[in-house]
Amino acid sequence: MVKHTMRVLSGMNPRQVDEMISEYHLNMLQTDKGILLFEGELEDLRRASKHVVDVVLPPGPTVTEIQEAVEKYDVKLKQSDDGPMLHGRLIDINDAINYIVDTMSERLNI
């Protein structure tokens, strides 16, 4: 069967990555550019995309940008020892992070 891939989000808790690998029968790959990917059957990756995870936010976004992402996507903001985290389904967090990156890029005129 054909294997498919899905990006592992930067800032994911390693324990949660291990849980997803085990629960959805996935493998982990690394591209030549250092990007980590989940590899597996398409249906397993679809199920994994709905797995609830915590992702630490990188430095840089404003409170407003984070608040807009939380309101626009079905994610919650949590505080941790490592900083602010988004909590929710992997697919929703991915969309929220992409939104934050896009708004930061616009703000910085990149």
N, C-alpha and C. Protein backbone atom coordinates (compact mmCIF):
# COMPACT_ATOMS: atom_id res chain seq x y z
N MET A 1 0.83 -1.18 0.00
CA MET A 1 0.00 0.00 0.00
C MET A 1 0.88 1.26 0.00
N VAL A 2 0.30 2.32 -0.47
CA VAL A 2 1.00 3.60 -0.55
C VAL A 2 1.02 4.25 0.83
N LYS A 3 2.19 4.73 1.23
CA LYS A 3 2.32 5.46 2.49
C LYS A 3 2.20 6.95 2.22
N HIS A 4 1.60 7.66 3.16
CA HIS A 4 1.43 9.10 3.07
C HIS A 4 2.13 9.75 4.26
N THR A 5 2.34 11.07 4.17
CA THR A 5 3.02 11.77 5.26
C THR A 5 2.22 12.99 5.72
N MET A 6 2.48 13.38 6.95
CA MET A 6 1.89 14.57 7.56
C MET A 6 2.95 15.17 8.46
N ARG A 7 3.07 16.49 8.44
CA ARG A 7 4.11 17.18 9.19
C ARG A 7 3.85 17.07 10.70
N VAL A 8 4.93 16.84 11.45
CA VAL A 8 4.89 16.92 12.91
C VAL A 8 5.07 18.39 13.26
N LEU A 9 4.13 18.95 14.03
CA LEU A 9 4.20 20.37 14.33
C LEU A 9 5.34 20.67 15.30
N SER A 10 6.10 21.70 14.98
CA SER A 10 7.15 22.16 15.88
C SER A 10 6.50 22.61 17.18
N GLY A 11 7.07 22.22 18.29
CA GLY A 11 6.53 22.60 19.59
C GLY A 11 5.63 21.54 20.20
N MET A 12 5.41 20.42 19.48
CA MET A 12 4.60 19.34 20.04
C MET A 12 5.36 18.66 21.17
N ASN A 13 4.63 18.22 22.16
CA ASN A 13 5.19 17.48 23.27
C ASN A 13 5.68 16.12 22.76
N PRO A 14 6.96 15.76 22.98
CA PRO A 14 7.48 14.47 22.49
C PRO A 14 6.68 13.27 22.97
N ARG A 15 6.14 13.35 24.18
CA ARG A 15 5.32 12.24 24.70
C ARG A 15 4.08 12.06 23.84
N GLN A 16 3.47 13.18 23.42
CA GLN A 16 2.29 13.10 22.58
C GLN A 16 2.63 12.57 21.19
N VAL A 17 3.80 12.92 20.67
CA VAL A 17 4.24 12.38 19.38
C VAL A 17 4.36 10.87 19.49
N ASP A 18 4.98 10.38 20.56
CA ASP A 18 5.12 8.93 20.77
C ASP A 18 3.75 8.26 20.87
N GLU A 19 2.81 8.89 21.58
CA GLU A 19 1.46 8.34 21.71
C GLU A 19 0.80 8.20 20.34
N MET A 20 0.95 9.22 19.51
CA MET A 20 0.34 9.20 18.19
C MET A 20 0.96 8.12 17.32
N ILE A 21 2.27 7.97 17.38
CA ILE A 21 2.95 6.93 16.61
C ILE A 21 2.41 5.56 16.99
N SER A 22 2.27 5.33 18.29
CA SER A 22 1.78 4.05 18.77
C SER A 22 0.30 3.84 18.45
N GLU A 23 -0.53 4.83 18.76
CA GLU A 23 -1.98 4.67 18.61
C GLU A 23 -2.43 4.53 17.15
N TYR A 24 -1.76 5.24 16.24
CA TYR A 24 -2.21 5.26 14.84
C TYR A 24 -1.28 4.46 13.92
N HIS A 25 -0.35 3.70 14.51
CA HIS A 25 0.55 2.82 13.74
C HIS A 25 1.35 3.61 12.71
N LEU A 26 1.96 4.71 13.16
CA LEU A 26 2.71 5.59 12.27
C LEU A 26 4.21 5.37 12.43
N ASN A 27 4.95 5.83 11.46
CA ASN A 27 6.40 5.90 11.53
C ASN A 27 6.78 7.36 11.54
N MET A 28 8.00 7.65 11.94
CA MET A 28 8.49 9.02 11.90
C MET A 28 9.63 9.09 10.90
N LEU A 29 9.58 10.09 10.04
CA LEU A 29 10.62 10.33 9.05
C LEU A 29 11.18 11.72 9.24
N GLN A 30 12.39 11.93 8.74
CA GLN A 30 12.99 13.25 8.73
C GLN A 30 13.45 13.54 7.31
N THR A 31 13.05 14.71 6.79
CA THR A 31 13.46 15.07 5.44
C THR A 31 14.92 15.53 5.45
N ASP A 32 15.48 15.72 4.27
CA ASP A 32 16.85 16.20 4.18
C ASP A 32 16.99 17.62 4.71
N LYS A 33 15.87 18.33 4.87
CA LYS A 33 15.89 19.69 5.43
C LYS A 33 15.60 19.68 6.93
N GLY A 34 15.47 18.50 7.52
CA GLY A 34 15.27 18.39 8.96
C GLY A 34 13.83 18.44 9.42
N ILE A 35 12.88 18.44 8.49
CA ILE A 35 11.46 18.48 8.84
C ILE A 35 11.02 17.08 9.26
N LEU A 36 10.35 16.99 10.41
CA LEU A 36 9.85 15.71 10.90
C LEU A 36 8.46 15.45 10.34
N LEU A 37 8.23 14.22 9.92
CA LEU A 37 6.95 13.82 9.33
C LEU A 37 6.45 12.54 9.98
N PHE A 38 5.12 12.44 10.10
CA PHE A 38 4.49 11.17 10.40
C PHE A 38 4.28 10.48 9.06
N GLU A 39 4.50 9.16 9.02
CA GLU A 39 4.25 8.39 7.80
C GLU A 39 3.31 7.25 8.15
N GLY A 40 2.32 7.04 7.30
CA GLY A 40 1.40 5.95 7.53
C GLY A 40 0.34 5.84 6.46
N GLU A 41 -0.61 4.95 6.71
CA GLU A 41 -1.74 4.79 5.80
C GLU A 41 -2.60 6.05 5.88
N LEU A 42 -3.25 6.38 4.79
CA LEU A 42 -4.04 7.61 4.71
C LEU A 42 -5.10 7.68 5.80
N GLU A 43 -5.82 6.59 6.04
CA GLU A 43 -6.88 6.60 7.05
C GLU A 43 -6.30 6.80 8.45
N ASP A 44 -5.14 6.20 8.72
CA ASP A 44 -4.48 6.40 10.02
C ASP A 44 -4.07 7.86 10.21
N LEU A 45 -3.56 8.49 9.15
CA LEU A 45 -3.17 9.90 9.24
C LEU A 45 -4.40 10.80 9.41
N ARG A 46 -5.49 10.44 8.77
CA ARG A 46 -6.73 11.23 8.96
C ARG A 46 -7.19 11.17 10.41
N ARG A 47 -7.14 9.99 10.99
CA ARG A 47 -7.52 9.85 12.40
C ARG A 47 -6.54 10.60 13.29
N ALA A 48 -5.25 10.51 12.99
CA ALA A 48 -4.22 11.18 13.78
C ALA A 48 -4.37 12.70 13.72
N SER A 49 -4.85 13.23 12.61
CA SER A 49 -5.01 14.68 12.48
C SER A 49 -6.06 15.23 13.45
N LYS A 50 -6.90 14.35 13.99
CA LYS A 50 -7.93 14.76 14.94
C LYS A 50 -7.50 14.51 16.39
N HIS A 51 -6.28 14.01 16.58
CA HIS A 51 -5.75 13.74 17.92
C HIS A 51 -5.55 15.06 18.67
N VAL A 52 -5.94 15.10 19.93
CA VAL A 52 -5.80 16.32 20.73
C VAL A 52 -4.38 16.41 21.27
N VAL A 53 -3.73 17.55 21.01
CA VAL A 53 -2.33 17.75 21.41
C VAL A 53 -2.14 19.14 22.00
N ASP A 54 -0.97 19.35 22.59
CA ASP A 54 -0.54 20.66 23.07
C ASP A 54 0.69 21.06 22.26
N VAL A 55 0.71 22.30 21.80
CA VAL A 55 1.84 22.80 21.01
C VAL A 55 2.29 24.13 21.61
N VAL A 56 3.57 24.20 21.99
CA VAL A 56 4.14 25.44 22.53
C VAL A 56 4.27 26.45 21.41
N LEU A 57 3.81 27.67 21.67
CA LEU A 57 3.92 28.73 20.67
C LEU A 57 5.33 29.30 20.65
N PRO A 58 5.85 29.60 19.47
CA PRO A 58 7.17 30.22 19.40
C PRO A 58 7.08 31.68 19.80
N PRO A 59 8.21 32.30 20.15
CA PRO A 59 8.18 33.74 20.46
C PRO A 59 7.83 34.53 19.20
N GLY A 60 7.18 35.66 19.40
CA GLY A 60 6.94 36.55 18.27
C GLY A 60 5.52 37.01 18.06
N PRO A 61 4.52 36.12 18.17
CA PRO A 61 3.16 36.62 17.91
C PRO A 61 2.68 37.53 19.04
N THR A 62 1.86 38.50 18.66
CA THR A 62 1.29 39.41 19.65
C THR A 62 0.11 38.72 20.34
N VAL A 63 -0.31 39.29 21.46
CA VAL A 63 -1.47 38.76 22.18
C VAL A 63 -2.69 38.79 21.27
N THR A 64 -2.84 39.84 20.49
CA THR A 64 -3.98 39.97 19.59
C THR A 64 -3.96 38.87 18.53
N GLU A 65 -2.80 38.60 17.96
CA GLU A 65 -2.70 37.56 16.93
C GLU A 65 -3.06 36.19 17.51
N ILE A 66 -2.58 35.91 18.71
CA ILE A 66 -2.91 34.63 19.36
C ILE A 66 -4.40 34.57 19.66
N GLN A 67 -4.95 35.66 20.19
CA GLN A 67 -6.38 35.70 20.54
C GLN A 67 -7.26 35.50 19.29
N GLU A 68 -6.88 36.12 18.19
CA GLU A 68 -7.65 35.95 16.95
C GLU A 68 -7.61 34.49 16.48
N ALA A 69 -6.44 33.85 16.57
CA ALA A 69 -6.33 32.45 16.16
C ALA A 69 -7.18 31.54 17.04
N VAL A 70 -7.18 31.81 18.35
CA VAL A 70 -7.97 31.00 19.28
C VAL A 70 -9.46 31.16 18.98
N GLU A 71 -9.88 32.38 18.68
CA GLU A 71 -11.29 32.62 18.37
C GLU A 71 -11.69 32.04 17.02
N LYS A 72 -10.79 32.08 16.05
CA LYS A 72 -11.11 31.65 14.68
C LYS A 72 -11.11 30.12 14.54
N TYR A 73 -10.26 29.45 15.29
CA TYR A 73 -10.12 27.99 15.19
C TYR A 73 -10.53 27.37 16.52
N ASP A 74 -10.84 26.12 16.49
CA ASP A 74 -11.34 25.43 17.68
C ASP A 74 -10.17 24.96 18.55
N VAL A 75 -9.44 25.94 19.12
CA VAL A 75 -8.30 25.64 19.99
C VAL A 75 -8.42 26.46 21.27
N LYS A 76 -7.70 26.02 22.28
CA LYS A 76 -7.67 26.74 23.55
C LYS A 76 -6.24 27.18 23.83
N LEU A 77 -6.11 28.25 24.59
CA LEU A 77 -4.80 28.73 25.00
C LEU A 77 -4.55 28.26 26.43
N LYS A 78 -3.40 27.62 26.64
CA LYS A 78 -3.01 27.15 27.96
C LYS A 78 -1.65 27.76 28.30
N GLN A 79 -1.38 27.87 29.58
CA GLN A 79 -0.06 28.34 30.02
C GLN A 79 0.71 27.14 30.57
N SER A 80 1.99 27.07 30.26
CA SER A 80 2.85 25.99 30.76
C SER A 80 4.17 26.59 31.21
N ASP A 81 5.00 25.77 31.80
CA ASP A 81 6.33 26.22 32.20
C ASP A 81 7.17 26.62 30.99
N ASP A 82 6.84 26.07 29.81
CA ASP A 82 7.57 26.37 28.59
C ASP A 82 7.01 27.58 27.84
N GLY A 83 5.91 28.14 28.35
CA GLY A 83 5.28 29.29 27.70
C GLY A 83 3.88 28.96 27.26
N PRO A 84 3.26 29.88 26.50
CA PRO A 84 1.88 29.65 26.06
C PRO A 84 1.80 28.47 25.10
N MET A 85 0.70 27.71 25.23
CA MET A 85 0.48 26.54 24.38
C MET A 85 -0.91 26.60 23.78
N LEU A 86 -1.02 26.09 22.56
CA LEU A 86 -2.33 25.86 21.97
C LEU A 86 -2.72 24.42 22.27
N HIS A 87 -3.98 24.21 22.64
CA HIS A 87 -4.50 22.89 22.97
C HIS A 87 -5.70 22.62 22.07
N GLY A 88 -5.68 21.48 21.38
CA GLY A 88 -6.80 21.11 20.53
C GLY A 88 -6.41 20.02 19.56
N ARG A 89 -7.26 19.81 18.57
CA ARG A 89 -6.96 18.78 17.57
C ARG A 89 -5.78 19.25 16.72
N LEU A 90 -4.95 18.32 16.34
CA LEU A 90 -3.75 18.62 15.55
C LEU A 90 -4.09 19.45 14.31
N ILE A 91 -5.12 19.08 13.60
CA ILE A 91 -5.49 19.80 12.38
C ILE A 91 -5.90 21.24 12.67
N ASP A 92 -6.62 21.46 13.77
CA ASP A 92 -7.03 22.82 14.13
C ASP A 92 -5.84 23.66 14.59
N ILE A 93 -4.93 23.05 15.35
CA ILE A 93 -3.73 23.77 15.78
C ILE A 93 -2.87 24.13 14.58
N ASN A 94 -2.76 23.22 13.62
CA ASN A 94 -2.00 23.51 12.41
C ASN A 94 -2.58 24.72 11.69
N ASP A 95 -3.91 24.77 11.56
CA ASP A 95 -4.56 25.91 10.91
C ASP A 95 -4.33 27.20 11.71
N ALA A 96 -4.42 27.12 13.04
CA ALA A 96 -4.21 28.30 13.88
C ALA A 96 -2.78 28.80 13.77
N ILE A 97 -1.81 27.90 13.76
CA ILE A 97 -0.41 28.30 13.63
C ILE A 97 -0.16 28.94 12.26
N ASN A 98 -0.72 28.35 11.21
CA ASN A 98 -0.57 28.94 9.88
C ASN A 98 -1.17 30.35 9.85
N TYR A 99 -2.31 30.53 10.52
CA TYR A 99 -2.94 31.85 10.60
C TYR A 99 -2.01 32.84 11.32
N ILE A 100 -1.44 32.41 12.44
CA ILE A 100 -0.53 33.28 13.21
C ILE A 100 0.69 33.65 12.37
N VAL A 101 1.26 32.69 11.68
CA VAL A 101 2.43 32.96 10.84
C VAL A 101 2.07 33.94 9.73
N ASP A 102 0.91 33.74 9.12
CA ASP A 102 0.49 34.66 8.05
C ASP A 102 0.27 36.08 8.56
N THR A 103 -0.37 36.21 9.74
CA THR A 103 -0.61 37.56 10.27
C THR A 103 0.70 38.20 10.72
N MET A 104 1.62 37.41 11.26
CA MET A 104 2.94 37.95 11.63
C MET A 104 3.69 38.42 10.38
N SER A 105 3.61 37.63 9.31
CA SER A 105 4.29 38.00 8.07
C SER A 105 3.73 39.31 7.52
N GLU A 106 2.40 39.45 7.55
CA GLU A 106 1.79 40.71 7.10
C GLU A 106 2.24 41.87 7.95
N ARG A 107 2.24 41.67 9.28
CA ARG A 107 2.63 42.74 10.21
C ARG A 107 4.08 43.16 9.97
N LEU A 108 4.93 42.20 9.69
CA LEU A 108 6.34 42.48 9.49
C LEU A 108 6.69 42.79 8.04
N ASN A 109 5.67 42.76 7.18
CA ASN A 109 5.84 43.03 5.74
C ASN A 109 6.86 42.10 5.10
N ILE A 110 6.74 40.82 5.42
CA ILE A 110 7.67 39.83 4.83
C ILE A 110 7.06 39.27 3.57
